[in-house]
Each structure stands twice: as structure tokens, then as C-alpha cells.
Amino acid sequence: MSASMQRVCFQLQVRPDRLDEYRTRHRAVWPEMLAALRSTGWHNYSLFLRPDGLLTGYFETPSLQAARDGMARTDVNARWQAEMAPFFVELQGTPDQGFLQLEEVFHLE
């Protein structure tokens, strides 16, 4: 990874009664959504789900703000975020804007 990439880690809480459906949706992310993420700077993107619904995400990007702004300009993101929002507990706004960003305190290259 180049030095100009920002590492972003975040958390959201998936509703416990919707975990299976959340997993199913992410096994078949729309190709148009995947293409939009790639083209707007979301790289090496992973989601990890704990049994109680705690979701941790990680991705690398040249700029978090540019990556968010780029996705905000796509039609597919608005549709995806609208479909995903009901899966989350205490969400402020859309999942891609309302996640809790975690502070990086250590990194081994």
C-alpha cells in the first residue's frame, strides 16, 4: 500500500434478528455497486460480523471524504444505502455516512 492511502476502520451494529439476511445480501452485492466502490476509491474493503451483530469494516482509500463524495454522486449508492439502513441499530443517516470511525493506534507494515 502506498503511503498516500488512508486506512479506515469503522463499526456499525446490525440488528440481531436480521443477521442472516445481512450475510445473504453481502454474498451477492450488486455488480454495479462493486464497480462504483472501486471507481470512487474504496480499496481492500472488508466487513467482519460478530455473532451479536457488531459489524467492523475496513478499507483503504486515498481520501475518505473523496470516497464518500464519489459514492454520494452515484444512483446505485442511494439505492443500496436505502436498502441497508433498516439492518442497523441507532443509525444516524445512511450506513456509509453514519458509521463510527475508529482511531488507528498501531500499524505494522
N, C-alpha and C. Protein backbone atom coordinates (compact mmCIF):
# COMPACT_ATOMS: atom_id res chain seq x y z
N MET A 1 0.84 -1.18 0.00
CA MET A 1 0.00 0.00 0.00
C MET A 1 0.88 1.24 0.00
N SER A 2 0.53 2.20 -0.82
CA SER A 2 1.35 3.42 -0.89
C SER A 2 1.11 4.28 0.35
N ALA A 3 2.07 5.15 0.63
CA ALA A 3 1.98 6.00 1.81
C ALA A 3 0.80 6.96 1.73
N SER A 4 0.28 7.20 0.52
CA SER A 4 -0.81 8.17 0.37
C SER A 4 -2.19 7.55 0.64
N MET A 5 -2.23 6.27 0.97
CA MET A 5 -3.50 5.63 1.26
C MET A 5 -3.87 5.79 2.74
N GLN A 6 -5.12 6.10 2.99
CA GLN A 6 -5.65 6.20 4.35
C GLN A 6 -6.32 4.87 4.69
N ARG A 7 -6.02 4.33 5.88
CA ARG A 7 -6.69 3.12 6.36
C ARG A 7 -7.88 3.54 7.20
N VAL A 8 -9.04 3.02 6.88
CA VAL A 8 -10.26 3.39 7.59
C VAL A 8 -10.88 2.13 8.20
N CYS A 9 -11.14 2.18 9.50
CA CYS A 9 -11.83 1.09 10.19
C CYS A 9 -13.06 1.70 10.86
N PHE A 10 -14.17 0.98 10.78
CA PHE A 10 -15.41 1.53 11.31
C PHE A 10 -16.29 0.45 11.92
N GLN A 11 -17.26 0.89 12.71
CA GLN A 11 -18.22 -0.03 13.33
C GLN A 11 -19.65 0.44 13.10
N LEU A 12 -20.52 -0.55 12.98
CA LEU A 12 -21.96 -0.36 12.96
C LEU A 12 -22.57 -1.53 13.72
N GLN A 13 -23.81 -1.43 14.13
CA GLN A 13 -24.48 -2.51 14.84
C GLN A 13 -25.64 -3.02 14.00
N VAL A 14 -25.53 -4.28 13.56
CA VAL A 14 -26.60 -4.91 12.78
C VAL A 14 -27.65 -5.46 13.76
N ARG A 15 -28.90 -5.31 13.40
CA ARG A 15 -29.99 -5.83 14.24
C ARG A 15 -29.85 -7.35 14.35
N PRO A 16 -29.86 -7.88 15.57
CA PRO A 16 -29.65 -9.32 15.76
C PRO A 16 -30.64 -10.20 14.98
N ASP A 17 -31.88 -9.72 14.79
CA ASP A 17 -32.87 -10.52 14.07
C ASP A 17 -32.69 -10.48 12.56
N ARG A 18 -31.72 -9.71 12.07
CA ARG A 18 -31.52 -9.58 10.62
C ARG A 18 -30.13 -10.02 10.17
N LEU A 19 -29.39 -10.71 11.05
CA LEU A 19 -28.01 -11.10 10.73
C LEU A 19 -27.94 -12.02 9.51
N ASP A 20 -28.81 -13.02 9.45
CA ASP A 20 -28.75 -13.95 8.32
C ASP A 20 -29.03 -13.24 7.01
N GLU A 21 -30.02 -12.38 7.00
CA GLU A 21 -30.33 -11.65 5.77
C GLU A 21 -29.20 -10.70 5.40
N TYR A 22 -28.57 -10.09 6.39
CA TYR A 22 -27.43 -9.20 6.13
C TYR A 22 -26.30 -9.97 5.46
N ARG A 23 -26.00 -11.16 6.01
CA ARG A 23 -24.96 -12.00 5.40
C ARG A 23 -25.33 -12.36 3.96
N THR A 24 -26.58 -12.75 3.74
CA THR A 24 -27.03 -13.14 2.41
C THR A 24 -26.87 -11.98 1.42
N ARG A 25 -27.27 -10.78 1.83
CA ARG A 25 -27.14 -9.62 0.95
C ARG A 25 -25.69 -9.37 0.55
N HIS A 26 -24.78 -9.61 1.46
CA HIS A 26 -23.37 -9.33 1.17
C HIS A 26 -22.67 -10.46 0.42
N ARG A 27 -23.32 -11.58 0.27
CA ARG A 27 -22.78 -12.63 -0.60
C ARG A 27 -23.13 -12.33 -2.06
N ALA A 28 -24.02 -11.37 -2.27
CA ALA A 28 -24.47 -11.05 -3.63
C ALA A 28 -24.61 -9.54 -3.80
N VAL A 29 -23.56 -8.80 -3.46
CA VAL A 29 -23.58 -7.35 -3.66
C VAL A 29 -23.73 -7.08 -5.15
N TRP A 30 -24.59 -6.13 -5.47
CA TRP A 30 -24.86 -5.80 -6.87
C TRP A 30 -23.56 -5.46 -7.61
N PRO A 31 -23.35 -6.02 -8.80
CA PRO A 31 -22.14 -5.69 -9.58
C PRO A 31 -21.96 -4.18 -9.80
N GLU A 32 -23.06 -3.47 -9.99
CA GLU A 32 -22.99 -2.02 -10.19
C GLU A 32 -22.47 -1.32 -8.93
N MET A 33 -22.83 -1.86 -7.77
CA MET A 33 -22.35 -1.29 -6.50
C MET A 33 -20.85 -1.56 -6.33
N LEU A 34 -20.43 -2.78 -6.64
CA LEU A 34 -18.99 -3.11 -6.55
C LEU A 34 -18.18 -2.22 -7.48
N ALA A 35 -18.67 -2.00 -8.69
CA ALA A 35 -17.95 -1.15 -9.65
C ALA A 35 -17.87 0.29 -9.14
N ALA A 36 -18.96 0.77 -8.55
CA ALA A 36 -18.98 2.14 -8.03
C ALA A 36 -17.97 2.29 -6.89
N LEU A 37 -17.93 1.32 -5.99
CA LEU A 37 -16.97 1.38 -4.89
C LEU A 37 -15.54 1.43 -5.42
N ARG A 38 -15.24 0.55 -6.35
CA ARG A 38 -13.88 0.51 -6.91
C ARG A 38 -13.51 1.83 -7.57
N SER A 39 -14.45 2.39 -8.33
CA SER A 39 -14.13 3.59 -9.12
C SER A 39 -14.08 4.86 -8.28
N THR A 40 -14.60 4.80 -7.04
CA THR A 40 -14.59 6.01 -6.20
C THR A 40 -13.57 5.92 -5.07
N GLY A 41 -12.71 4.90 -5.09
CA GLY A 41 -11.58 4.88 -4.16
C GLY A 41 -11.73 4.03 -2.93
N TRP A 42 -12.66 3.05 -2.93
CA TRP A 42 -12.80 2.11 -1.81
C TRP A 42 -12.01 0.86 -2.18
N HIS A 43 -10.84 0.67 -1.56
CA HIS A 43 -9.95 -0.44 -1.91
C HIS A 43 -9.73 -1.36 -0.71
N ASN A 44 -9.47 -2.64 -1.01
CA ASN A 44 -9.16 -3.62 0.04
C ASN A 44 -10.23 -3.59 1.13
N TYR A 45 -11.49 -3.57 0.71
CA TYR A 45 -12.64 -3.37 1.59
C TYR A 45 -13.10 -4.71 2.15
N SER A 46 -13.23 -4.79 3.47
CA SER A 46 -13.71 -5.99 4.15
C SER A 46 -14.73 -5.61 5.21
N LEU A 47 -15.67 -6.53 5.45
CA LEU A 47 -16.62 -6.40 6.56
C LEU A 47 -16.52 -7.66 7.41
N PHE A 48 -16.54 -7.47 8.73
CA PHE A 48 -16.46 -8.58 9.68
C PHE A 48 -17.65 -8.47 10.62
N LEU A 49 -18.35 -9.58 10.86
CA LEU A 49 -19.56 -9.56 11.66
C LEU A 49 -19.43 -10.47 12.87
N ARG A 50 -19.66 -9.91 14.05
CA ARG A 50 -19.64 -10.68 15.29
C ARG A 50 -21.02 -11.31 15.49
N PRO A 51 -21.11 -12.42 16.23
CA PRO A 51 -22.41 -13.08 16.43
C PRO A 51 -23.49 -12.19 17.03
N ASP A 52 -23.10 -11.16 17.80
CA ASP A 52 -24.10 -10.26 18.39
C ASP A 52 -24.48 -9.10 17.47
N GLY A 53 -23.94 -9.11 16.25
CA GLY A 53 -24.30 -8.09 15.27
C GLY A 53 -23.32 -6.93 15.16
N LEU A 54 -22.27 -6.92 15.98
CA LEU A 54 -21.28 -5.85 15.83
C LEU A 54 -20.56 -6.03 14.50
N LEU A 55 -20.65 -5.03 13.66
CA LEU A 55 -20.03 -5.06 12.33
C LEU A 55 -18.81 -4.16 12.32
N THR A 56 -17.68 -4.69 11.91
CA THR A 56 -16.46 -3.91 11.76
C THR A 56 -16.07 -3.94 10.29
N GLY A 57 -15.83 -2.77 9.75
CA GLY A 57 -15.41 -2.65 8.36
C GLY A 57 -14.03 -2.05 8.26
N TYR A 58 -13.34 -2.37 7.17
CA TYR A 58 -12.01 -1.84 6.92
C TYR A 58 -11.85 -1.61 5.43
N PHE A 59 -11.30 -0.47 5.07
CA PHE A 59 -10.92 -0.24 3.68
C PHE A 59 -9.78 0.76 3.61
N GLU A 60 -9.17 0.83 2.46
CA GLU A 60 -8.09 1.77 2.21
C GLU A 60 -8.53 2.70 1.09
N THR A 61 -8.16 3.97 1.21
CA THR A 61 -8.59 4.95 0.23
C THR A 61 -7.62 6.13 0.20
N PRO A 62 -7.45 6.76 -0.94
CA PRO A 62 -6.63 7.97 -0.96
C PRO A 62 -7.23 9.08 -0.09
N SER A 63 -8.58 9.12 -0.01
CA SER A 63 -9.26 10.15 0.78
C SER A 63 -10.64 9.65 1.17
N LEU A 64 -10.91 9.58 2.48
CA LEU A 64 -12.23 9.14 2.93
C LEU A 64 -13.30 10.09 2.42
N GLN A 65 -13.05 11.40 2.51
CA GLN A 65 -14.07 12.35 2.07
C GLN A 65 -14.33 12.23 0.57
N ALA A 66 -13.28 12.07 -0.22
CA ALA A 66 -13.46 11.91 -1.67
C ALA A 66 -14.19 10.61 -1.99
N ALA A 67 -13.89 9.54 -1.24
CA ALA A 67 -14.56 8.25 -1.46
C ALA A 67 -16.05 8.37 -1.13
N ARG A 68 -16.37 9.03 -0.03
CA ARG A 68 -17.78 9.24 0.35
C ARG A 68 -18.48 10.13 -0.67
N ASP A 69 -17.83 11.22 -1.05
CA ASP A 69 -18.43 12.15 -2.01
C ASP A 69 -18.66 11.48 -3.35
N GLY A 70 -17.70 10.66 -3.77
CA GLY A 70 -17.84 9.96 -5.05
C GLY A 70 -19.03 9.03 -5.04
N MET A 71 -19.19 8.28 -3.96
CA MET A 71 -20.34 7.37 -3.86
C MET A 71 -21.65 8.14 -3.78
N ALA A 72 -21.65 9.28 -3.10
CA ALA A 72 -22.86 10.08 -2.97
C ALA A 72 -23.38 10.56 -4.32
N ARG A 73 -22.49 10.64 -5.31
CA ARG A 73 -22.89 11.08 -6.65
C ARG A 73 -23.44 9.94 -7.51
N THR A 74 -23.43 8.71 -7.00
CA THR A 74 -23.91 7.58 -7.81
C THR A 74 -25.35 7.22 -7.43
N ASP A 75 -26.13 6.84 -8.43
CA ASP A 75 -27.51 6.40 -8.18
C ASP A 75 -27.53 5.09 -7.41
N VAL A 76 -26.61 4.18 -7.74
CA VAL A 76 -26.62 2.86 -7.10
C VAL A 76 -26.38 2.96 -5.60
N ASN A 77 -25.55 3.90 -5.17
CA ASN A 77 -25.29 4.03 -3.74
C ASN A 77 -26.54 4.45 -2.99
N ALA A 78 -27.30 5.37 -3.54
CA ALA A 78 -28.53 5.81 -2.87
C ALA A 78 -29.49 4.63 -2.70
N ARG A 79 -29.60 3.79 -3.73
CA ARG A 79 -30.48 2.62 -3.65
C ARG A 79 -29.96 1.62 -2.63
N TRP A 80 -28.65 1.34 -2.65
CA TRP A 80 -28.06 0.37 -1.72
C TRP A 80 -28.18 0.85 -0.27
N GLN A 81 -27.85 2.11 -0.01
CA GLN A 81 -27.91 2.63 1.35
C GLN A 81 -29.35 2.61 1.88
N ALA A 82 -30.31 2.92 1.03
CA ALA A 82 -31.71 2.88 1.45
C ALA A 82 -32.14 1.47 1.82
N GLU A 83 -31.65 0.47 1.08
CA GLU A 83 -31.99 -0.92 1.39
C GLU A 83 -31.25 -1.43 2.63
N MET A 84 -30.04 -0.94 2.88
CA MET A 84 -29.24 -1.43 4.00
C MET A 84 -29.57 -0.74 5.32
N ALA A 85 -30.01 0.51 5.30
CA ALA A 85 -30.23 1.27 6.53
C ALA A 85 -31.10 0.54 7.56
N PRO A 86 -32.20 -0.14 7.17
CA PRO A 86 -33.03 -0.81 8.17
C PRO A 86 -32.34 -1.96 8.90
N PHE A 87 -31.20 -2.42 8.42
CA PHE A 87 -30.48 -3.50 9.08
C PHE A 87 -29.77 -3.04 10.35
N PHE A 88 -29.60 -1.72 10.52
CA PHE A 88 -28.74 -1.21 11.59
C PHE A 88 -29.51 -0.61 12.75
N VAL A 89 -28.91 -0.72 13.94
CA VAL A 89 -29.45 -0.17 15.18
C VAL A 89 -28.88 1.24 15.38
N GLU A 90 -29.72 2.17 15.80
CA GLU A 90 -29.29 3.53 16.16
C GLU A 90 -28.42 4.18 15.09
N LEU A 91 -28.85 4.07 13.85
CA LEU A 91 -28.09 4.65 12.74
C LEU A 91 -28.49 6.11 12.55
N GLN A 92 -27.50 6.98 12.49
CA GLN A 92 -27.72 8.39 12.17
C GLN A 92 -27.38 8.59 10.70
N GLY A 93 -28.39 8.79 9.86
CA GLY A 93 -28.16 8.96 8.43
C GLY A 93 -28.00 7.62 7.74
N THR A 94 -27.25 7.59 6.66
CA THR A 94 -27.04 6.36 5.90
C THR A 94 -25.85 5.59 6.46
N PRO A 95 -25.79 4.27 6.24
CA PRO A 95 -24.66 3.50 6.78
C PRO A 95 -23.29 4.04 6.39
N ASP A 96 -23.13 4.45 5.13
CA ASP A 96 -21.81 4.91 4.68
C ASP A 96 -21.43 6.27 5.25
N GLN A 97 -22.39 7.01 5.77
CA GLN A 97 -22.10 8.30 6.39
C GLN A 97 -22.15 8.23 7.92
N GLY A 98 -22.94 7.28 8.45
CA GLY A 98 -23.20 7.24 9.87
C GLY A 98 -22.36 6.27 10.67
N PHE A 99 -21.40 5.62 10.04
CA PHE A 99 -20.60 4.66 10.80
C PHE A 99 -19.67 5.37 11.79
N LEU A 100 -19.32 4.63 12.85
CA LEU A 100 -18.37 5.12 13.85
C LEU A 100 -16.96 4.79 13.36
N GLN A 101 -16.20 5.82 13.01
CA GLN A 101 -14.82 5.61 12.57
C GLN A 101 -13.93 5.40 13.78
N LEU A 102 -13.09 4.38 13.73
CA LEU A 102 -12.21 4.05 14.85
C LEU A 102 -10.83 4.68 14.65
N GLU A 103 -10.21 5.04 15.76
CA GLU A 103 -8.87 5.61 15.74
C GLU A 103 -7.84 4.51 15.56
N GLU A 104 -6.93 4.68 14.63
CA GLU A 104 -5.83 3.73 14.48
C GLU A 104 -4.77 4.05 15.51
N VAL A 105 -4.42 3.06 16.34
CA VAL A 105 -3.40 3.29 17.38
C VAL A 105 -2.13 2.49 17.14
N PHE A 106 -2.16 1.58 16.19
CA PHE A 106 -0.96 0.80 15.87
C PHE A 106 -1.10 0.24 14.47
N HIS A 107 0.03 0.19 13.75
CA HIS A 107 0.06 -0.42 12.42
C HIS A 107 1.44 -1.01 12.19
N LEU A 108 1.49 -2.27 11.83
CA LEU A 108 2.74 -2.94 11.45
C LEU A 108 2.73 -3.10 9.95
N GLU A 109 3.64 -2.45 9.26
CA GLU A 109 3.73 -2.52 7.80
C GLU A 109 4.25 -3.88 7.38
